């Protein structure tokens, strides 16, 4: 063991020092702040989703006789500081965990090659390595990051850690399975607690916001950027956004079901082929309204005859038209009075014929 002894000022006490490096891990919590003097880390914000390296540190000092007596602090001391501040108190557990079982792995002080990195990569690869993404926008590099480690997503990571893909990667790594298993379990605990703490902080914010809306004294009137980050960690969105997306999806699905059930619908081609999602939603809404009107009872009421001019304008492929006021050319005629128009500005629209207008050509 790479140890040293320290003589105290009275020259009577001796304390062994274990200089071997140690590692810790934290599962994605933003703003985990502590003084670099206390953590021996390069910045006051603790890194997330990566191995946190603890090394020994020597500070200048003098004894009672004002003679030089440097103070050396072991890696375990710094690891214990983070455990005390971010990983023990049940009311304030941010998800930090010390990975003491990695200390026994070999490392080269001269080259910096460390077996711990191999074990970590086997259990916790970057998503870019395994072609995965986070739907909330995490697990990617963000502006002003000081390194190449992206902000982790606890929700995505827990899904990956529980997957067969992760188990296969561990089994095929050729590394010690007992250490890989310990590391896997520690990361699951860290990410699980990080999600729980994010949920706790989000609940506190919501409680304060509700107080303000009810006219009670409140420290917060709206969700902050940090709250929004907690939501990303939990794969959640603000209630009004979730509700709007739910209604939009329900409307789209309902429209599709109605369109498919319409009598006489063509089974050979899809009239919405090539449309954007917004254009499809408009089409299905129109179809639903048309079907609903067809089901309404006919009311016999005397009316005065209205004389109208017959509709003479027909729209065919290659015809020059105005589409929502923009010049264009019809490139395709679809079913139910829908047309694809190539605009002069280079764009393309799929619209009903009531949004087209004939261009008068001077002869």
Protein backbone atom coordinates (compact mmCIF):
# COMPACT_ATOMS: atom_id res chain seq x y z
CA UNK A 1 0.00 0.00 0.00
CA UNK A 2 1.27 3.44 -0.95
CA UNK A 3 1.10 5.06 2.47
CA UNK A 4 2.99 7.64 4.49
CA UNK A 5 3.04 8.70 8.14
CA UNK A 6 2.39 12.12 9.55
CA UNK A 7 3.93 13.39 12.79
CA UNK A 8 1.76 15.77 14.77
CA UNK A 9 3.18 18.83 16.52
CA UNK A 10 3.67 16.98 19.83
CA UNK A 11 5.53 14.18 18.01
CA UNK A 12 3.47 11.56 19.81
CA UNK A 13 0.70 10.67 17.34
CA UNK A 14 1.15 8.96 14.04
CA UNK A 15 -1.63 8.65 11.47
CA UNK A 16 -1.21 6.45 8.36
CA UNK A 17 -2.04 8.02 5.02
CA UNK A 18 -3.41 6.03 2.10
CA UNK A 19 -2.36 7.91 -1.03
CA UNK A 20 -4.13 5.60 -3.49
CA UNK A 21 -6.55 7.40 -5.76
CA UNK A 22 -10.31 6.96 -5.28
CA UNK A 23 -13.37 7.54 -7.40
CA UNK A 24 -16.88 8.83 -6.92
CA UNK A 25 -19.95 9.26 -9.11
CA UNK A 26 -22.98 11.55 -9.29
CA UNK A 27 -26.00 10.93 -11.49
CA UNK A 28 -26.91 14.20 -13.19
CA UNK A 29 -27.90 16.78 -10.57
CA UNK A 30 -27.15 20.36 -11.67
CA UNK A 31 -25.56 22.93 -9.37
CA UNK A 32 -23.80 20.44 -7.08
CA UNK A 33 -21.52 23.16 -5.71
CA UNK A 34 -18.72 22.88 -3.15
CA UNK A 35 -15.39 24.65 -2.63
CA UNK A 36 -12.48 23.11 -4.57
CA UNK A 37 -10.49 23.34 -1.33
CA UNK A 38 -12.91 20.89 0.25
CA UNK A 39 -13.25 18.54 -2.72
CA UNK A 40 -9.84 18.85 -4.41
CA UNK A 41 -11.68 19.16 -7.73
CA UNK A 42 -10.73 21.62 -10.49
CA UNK A 43 -14.04 23.54 -10.25
CA UNK A 44 -16.63 24.19 -7.57
CA UNK A 45 -19.34 22.32 -9.53
CA UNK A 46 -18.97 18.56 -9.24
CA UNK A 47 -18.92 16.67 -12.54
CA UNK A 48 -21.95 14.56 -13.40
CA UNK A 49 -22.20 11.21 -15.20
CA UNK A 50 -18.45 10.61 -15.06
CA UNK A 51 -15.82 9.19 -12.76
CA UNK A 52 -14.85 11.77 -10.14
CA UNK A 53 -11.15 11.33 -9.38
CA UNK A 54 -9.80 12.00 -5.87
CA UNK A 55 -6.04 12.39 -5.38
CA UNK A 56 -3.96 13.27 -2.29
CA UNK A 57 -3.23 16.93 -1.67
CA UNK A 58 -0.51 18.64 0.37
CA UNK A 59 -1.15 22.11 1.83
CA UNK A 60 1.55 24.36 3.35
CA UNK A 61 1.32 24.81 7.11
CA UNK A 62 3.41 25.55 10.22
CA UNK A 63 3.48 23.84 13.59
CA UNK A 64 3.33 25.40 17.05
CA UNK A 65 6.94 26.51 16.75
CA UNK A 66 6.26 28.15 13.39
CA UNK A 67 8.24 25.50 11.60
CA UNK A 68 7.07 24.11 8.26
CA UNK A 69 4.59 21.30 8.83
CA UNK A 70 2.73 20.62 5.58
CA UNK A 71 -0.69 19.02 5.89
CA UNK A 72 -1.46 16.10 3.60
CA UNK A 73 -5.03 15.03 3.00
CA UNK A 74 -5.77 11.62 1.56
CA UNK A 75 -8.19 10.93 -1.34
CA UNK A 76 -10.59 9.29 1.07
CA UNK A 77 -10.90 12.58 2.95
CA UNK A 78 -12.19 14.39 -0.13
CA UNK A 79 -14.51 11.52 -1.00
CA UNK A 80 -15.96 11.66 2.51
CA UNK A 81 -16.62 15.40 2.12
CA UNK A 82 -18.80 14.76 -0.93
CA UNK A 83 -20.52 11.85 0.78
CA UNK A 84 -21.32 14.05 3.78
CA UNK A 85 -22.67 16.91 1.67
CA UNK A 86 -24.41 15.08 -1.17
CA UNK A 87 -24.84 11.40 -0.35
CA UNK A 88 -25.84 10.57 3.21
CA UNK A 89 -28.61 12.81 4.54
CA UNK A 90 -31.93 11.29 3.49
CA UNK A 91 -33.38 14.80 3.22
CA UNK A 92 -30.49 16.04 1.12
CA UNK A 93 -29.24 13.01 -0.84
CA UNK A 94 -28.31 14.25 -4.30
CA UNK A 95 -27.30 10.78 -5.46
CA UNK A 96 -23.51 10.99 -4.98
CA UNK A 97 -21.79 7.67 -4.24
CA UNK A 98 -18.11 6.78 -3.59
CA UNK A 99 -16.84 3.86 -5.68
CA UNK A 100 -14.24 2.53 -3.25
CA UNK A 101 -14.10 -0.89 -4.97
CA UNK A 102 -12.35 0.71 -7.97
CA UNK A 103 -9.32 1.69 -5.86
CA UNK A 104 -7.79 -1.79 -6.12
CA UNK A 105 -7.61 -1.61 -9.92
CA UNK A 106 -4.23 -1.00 -11.55
CA UNK A 107 -3.17 2.39 -12.85
CA UNK A 108 0.02 3.89 -14.22
CA UNK A 109 1.06 7.15 -12.59
CA UNK A 110 3.38 8.04 -15.47
CA UNK A 111 1.08 7.41 -18.45
CA UNK A 112 -2.25 8.05 -16.73
CA UNK A 113 -3.67 4.75 -18.02
CA UNK A 114 -6.22 3.55 -15.47
CA UNK A 115 -8.16 0.27 -15.50
CA UNK A 116 -11.05 2.07 -13.80
CA UNK A 117 -11.76 3.88 -17.07
CA UNK A 118 -12.14 0.54 -18.87
CA UNK A 119 -14.61 -0.73 -16.30
CA UNK A 120 -16.59 2.50 -16.37
CA UNK A 121 -16.80 2.45 -20.18
CA UNK A 122 -18.06 -1.14 -20.10
CA UNK A 123 -21.00 -0.17 -17.87
CA UNK A 124 -21.51 3.51 -18.72
CA UNK A 125 -20.57 4.22 -22.37
CA UNK A 126 -21.31 7.56 -23.99
CA UNK A 127 -24.57 7.41 -25.90
CA UNK A 128 -22.73 8.48 -29.06
CA UNK A 129 -20.77 5.20 -28.81
CA UNK A 130 -23.87 3.02 -28.70
CA UNK A 131 -26.02 5.14 -31.04
CA UNK A 132 -28.60 6.18 -28.47
CA UNK A 133 -30.26 9.55 -27.87
CA UNK A 134 -32.34 11.22 -25.17
CA UNK A 135 -35.72 12.55 -26.29
CA UNK A 136 -35.42 15.40 -23.77
CA UNK A 137 -32.16 16.69 -25.27
CA UNK A 138 -29.76 15.43 -22.58
CA UNK A 139 -26.77 13.13 -23.15
CA UNK A 140 -25.27 15.64 -25.60
CA UNK A 141 -22.55 18.25 -25.22
CA UNK A 142 -23.81 21.71 -24.31
CA UNK A 143 -22.28 25.15 -24.77
CA UNK A 144 -19.69 26.19 -22.16
CA UNK A 145 -18.96 22.65 -20.98
CA UNK A 146 -15.31 22.40 -19.96
CA UNK A 147 -14.88 18.82 -21.08
CA UNK A 148 -16.29 16.24 -23.45
CA UNK A 149 -18.69 14.67 -20.94
CA UNK A 150 -22.37 15.43 -21.68
CA UNK A 151 -25.01 15.99 -19.01
CA UNK A 152 -26.44 12.53 -18.26
CA UNK A 153 -30.15 11.70 -18.24
CA UNK A 154 -31.00 9.54 -15.19
CA UNK A 155 -34.17 8.23 -16.83
CA UNK A 156 -32.42 7.13 -20.03
CA UNK A 157 -29.44 5.74 -18.10
CA UNK A 158 -31.63 3.61 -15.83
CA UNK A 159 -33.39 2.21 -18.90
CA UNK A 160 -30.03 1.37 -20.46
CA UNK A 161 -28.60 -0.15 -17.27
CA UNK A 162 -31.64 -2.45 -17.11
CA UNK A 163 -31.31 -3.50 -20.76
CA UNK A 164 -29.94 -6.71 -22.24
CA UNK A 165 -27.61 -4.55 -24.33
CA UNK A 166 -25.86 -3.33 -21.18
CA UNK A 167 -25.60 -6.84 -19.73
CA UNK A 168 -24.13 -8.13 -23.00
CA UNK A 169 -21.60 -5.31 -23.14
CA UNK A 170 -20.47 -6.13 -19.60
CA UNK A 171 -20.28 -9.87 -20.26
CA UNK A 172 -18.23 -9.41 -23.44
CA UNK A 173 -15.81 -6.85 -21.96
CA UNK A 174 -13.35 -9.46 -20.68
CA UNK A 175 -13.15 -7.64 -17.34
CA UNK A 176 -13.78 -8.91 -13.82
CA UNK A 177 -17.50 -9.50 -13.48
CA UNK A 178 -17.54 -8.97 -9.70
CA UNK A 179 -16.26 -5.40 -10.04
CA UNK A 180 -18.50 -4.71 -13.04
CA UNK A 181 -21.49 -5.89 -11.01
CA UNK A 182 -20.59 -3.64 -8.08
CA UNK A 183 -20.17 -0.69 -10.42
CA UNK A 184 -23.48 -1.44 -12.15
CA UNK A 185 -25.31 -1.58 -8.82
CA UNK A 186 -23.72 1.66 -7.62
CA UNK A 187 -24.69 3.54 -10.78
CA UNK A 188 -28.28 2.27 -10.54
CA UNK A 189 -28.47 3.52 -6.93
CA UNK A 190 -26.95 6.89 -7.86
CA UNK A 191 -29.25 7.52 -10.82
CA UNK A 192 -32.31 6.32 -8.90
CA UNK A 193 -31.59 8.70 -6.05
CA UNK A 194 -30.81 11.56 -8.47
CA UNK A 195 -34.28 11.14 -9.99
CA UNK A 196 -35.86 11.02 -6.55
CA UNK A 197 -34.08 14.19 -5.48
CA UNK A 198 -35.03 15.97 -8.73
CA UNK A 199 -38.66 14.98 -8.11
CA UNK A 200 -38.44 16.28 -4.53
CA UNK A 201 -37.07 19.66 -5.67
CA UNK A 202 -39.69 19.88 -8.42
CA UNK A 203 -42.49 19.14 -5.93
CA UNK A 204 -41.16 21.90 -3.66
CA UNK A 205 -41.21 24.37 -6.55
CA UNK A 206 -44.74 23.38 -7.55
CA UNK A 207 -45.91 23.82 -3.97
CA UNK A 208 -44.50 27.36 -3.86
CA UNK A 209 -46.04 28.22 -7.24
CA UNK A 210 -49.45 26.93 -6.11
CA UNK A 211 -49.22 29.06 -2.97
CA UNK A 212 -48.61 32.16 -5.08
CA UNK A 213 -51.51 31.38 -7.37
CA UNK A 214 -53.78 31.01 -4.32
CA UNK A 215 -52.74 34.39 -2.93
CA UNK A 216 -50.47 33.00 -0.22
CA UNK A 217 -46.91 34.19 0.50
CA UNK A 218 -44.60 32.37 -1.90
CA UNK A 219 -40.90 32.24 -2.75
CA UNK A 220 -41.54 31.30 -6.39
CA UNK A 221 -44.15 32.35 -8.94
CA UNK A 222 -43.05 30.21 -11.90
CA UNK A 223 -40.77 27.33 -12.80
CA UNK A 224 -37.12 28.28 -13.28
CA UNK A 225 -34.48 26.96 -15.68
CA UNK A 226 -33.32 24.56 -12.97
CA UNK A 227 -36.88 23.26 -12.55
CA UNK A 228 -37.09 22.73 -16.30
CA UNK A 229 -33.83 20.78 -16.11
CA UNK A 230 -35.33 18.59 -13.37
CA UNK A 231 -38.25 17.93 -15.73
CA UNK A 232 -35.83 16.84 -18.45
CA UNK A 233 -34.17 14.46 -16.00
CA UNK A 234 -37.58 12.96 -15.23
CA UNK A 235 -38.79 13.00 -18.87
CA UNK A 236 -41.60 15.35 -17.95
CA UNK A 237 -42.92 18.66 -19.28
CA UNK A 238 -45.00 21.42 -17.75
CA UNK A 239 -48.65 20.40 -17.35
CA UNK A 240 -50.03 22.74 -20.02
CA UNK A 241 -47.48 21.52 -22.59
CA UNK A 242 -48.20 17.86 -21.82
CA UNK A 243 -51.95 18.54 -22.08
CA UNK A 244 -51.60 20.35 -25.42
CA UNK A 245 -49.50 17.52 -26.88
CA UNK A 246 -51.97 14.94 -25.57
CA UNK A 247 -54.93 16.72 -27.20
CA UNK A 248 -53.03 17.13 -30.47
CA UNK A 249 -52.15 13.44 -30.57
CA UNK A 250 -55.68 12.41 -29.68
CA UNK A 251 -57.13 14.63 -32.41
CA UNK A 252 -54.73 13.25 -34.99
CA UNK A 253 -55.47 9.64 -34.03
CA UNK A 254 -59.20 10.29 -34.01
CA UNK A 255 -59.03 11.92 -37.43
CA UNK A 256 -57.09 8.98 -38.83
CA UNK A 257 -59.64 6.52 -37.45
CA UNK A 258 -62.54 8.48 -38.94
CA UNK A 259 -60.82 8.84 -42.31
CA UNK A 260 -60.10 5.12 -42.51
CA UNK A 261 -63.69 4.32 -41.65
CA UNK A 262 -65.30 6.60 -44.23
CA UNK A 263 -67.34 4.74 -46.79
CA UNK A 264 -65.87 4.78 -50.23
CA UNK A 265 -62.39 5.57 -48.99
CA UNK A 266 -59.73 4.38 -51.39
CA UNK A 267 -57.79 1.37 -50.20
CA UNK A 268 -55.30 1.57 -53.05
CA UNK A 269 -53.63 4.89 -52.16
CA UNK A 270 -53.11 7.16 -49.18
CA UNK A 271 -54.47 10.66 -49.93
CA UNK A 272 -52.14 12.10 -47.28
CA UNK A 273 -49.00 10.61 -48.78
CA UNK A 274 -46.30 13.25 -48.94
CA UNK A 275 -48.09 15.64 -46.56
CA UNK A 276 -46.45 17.10 -43.48
CA UNK A 277 -47.90 16.28 -40.04
CA UNK A 278 -49.61 19.70 -39.95
CA UNK A 279 -51.15 19.14 -43.40
CA UNK A 280 -52.29 15.65 -42.42
CA UNK A 281 -53.93 17.02 -39.27
CA UNK A 282 -55.80 19.61 -41.40
CA UNK A 283 -56.91 16.91 -43.83
CA UNK A 284 -58.21 14.57 -41.14
CA UNK A 285 -60.00 17.41 -39.35
CA UNK A 286 -61.72 18.33 -42.62
CA UNK A 287 -62.73 14.71 -43.20
CA UNK A 288 -64.08 14.42 -39.65
CA UNK A 289 -66.17 17.59 -40.06
CA UNK A 290 -67.49 16.33 -43.39
CA UNK A 291 -68.54 13.00 -41.85
CA UNK A 292 -70.19 14.72 -38.91
CA UNK A 293 -72.22 16.98 -41.21
CA UNK A 294 -73.32 13.95 -43.23
CA UNK A 295 -74.85 12.47 -40.08
CA UNK A 296 -76.88 15.59 -39.23
CA UNK A 297 -80.67 15.31 -39.87
CA UNK A 298 -82.02 17.27 -42.83
CA UNK A 299 -84.35 20.09 -41.74
CA UNK A 300 -87.03 20.94 -44.31
CA UNK A 301 -87.46 24.72 -44.33
CA UNK A 302 -88.90 26.85 -47.09
CA UNK A 303 -86.20 28.91 -48.71
CA UNK A 304 -86.06 31.38 -51.52
CA UNK A 305 -84.22 30.10 -54.55
CA UNK A 306 -80.74 31.53 -54.91
CA UNK A 307 -79.37 31.93 -58.37
CA UNK A 308 -75.62 31.45 -58.54
CA UNK A 309 -73.22 31.29 -61.38
CA UNK A 310 -71.99 27.76 -62.07
CA UNK A 311 -68.47 26.95 -60.96
CA UNK A 312 -66.47 26.81 -64.12
CA UNK A 313 -62.90 26.80 -62.77
CA UNK A 314 -61.27 23.38 -62.84
CA UNK A 315 -57.79 22.66 -61.54
CA UNK A 316 -55.53 20.27 -63.35
CA UNK A 317 -51.84 19.32 -63.29
CA UNK A 318 -49.46 22.00 -64.70
CA UNK A 319 -52.05 24.77 -64.22
CA UNK A 320 -50.65 28.07 -62.96
CA UNK A 321 -52.56 29.11 -59.81
CA UNK A 322 -52.46 31.29 -56.74
CA UNK A 323 -52.02 29.16 -53.57
CA UNK A 324 -52.81 31.19 -50.45
CA UNK A 325 -51.92 34.26 -52.50
CA UNK A 326 -48.59 32.87 -53.79
CA UNK A 327 -47.94 31.98 -57.40
CA UNK A 328 -47.32 28.34 -58.15
CA UNK A 329 -47.98 25.37 -60.41
CA UNK A 330 -50.11 22.28 -59.70
CA UNK A 331 -47.89 19.20 -59.76
CA UNK A 332 -50.32 16.55 -58.47
CA UNK A 333 -54.09 16.16 -58.08
CA UNK A 334 -55.04 14.02 -55.07
CA UNK A 335 -58.42 12.66 -53.99
CA UNK A 336 -61.22 14.65 -52.33
CA UNK A 337 -60.22 17.94 -53.97
CA UNK A 338 -56.64 18.13 -52.64
CA UNK A 339 -53.74 19.36 -54.77
CA UNK A 340 -49.94 19.56 -54.46
CA UNK A 341 -48.64 22.98 -55.55
CA UNK A 342 -45.00 23.84 -56.31
CA UNK A 343 -44.53 27.49 -55.35
CA UNK A 344 -42.38 29.91 -57.32
CA UNK A 345 -40.33 30.60 -54.18
CA UNK A 346 -39.22 26.96 -54.13
CA UNK A 347 -41.63 25.68 -51.48
CA UNK A 348 -44.44 23.15 -51.82
CA UNK A 349 -47.91 22.94 -50.28
CA UNK A 350 -50.68 20.33 -50.21
CA UNK A 351 -54.03 22.16 -49.95
CA UNK A 352 -57.77 21.96 -50.68
CA UNK A 353 -58.98 23.60 -53.88
CA UNK A 354 -60.77 26.32 -51.88
CA UNK A 355 -57.31 27.71 -51.11
CA UNK A 356 -56.48 27.97 -54.83
CA UNK A 357 -57.35 30.76 -57.21
CA UNK A 358 -57.26 30.85 -60.99
CA UNK A 359 -54.69 33.20 -62.54
CA UNK A 360 -56.23 35.32 -65.28
CA UNK A 361 -54.04 35.28 -68.37
CA UNK A 362 -54.27 38.24 -70.75
CA UNK A 363 -54.74 37.13 -74.33
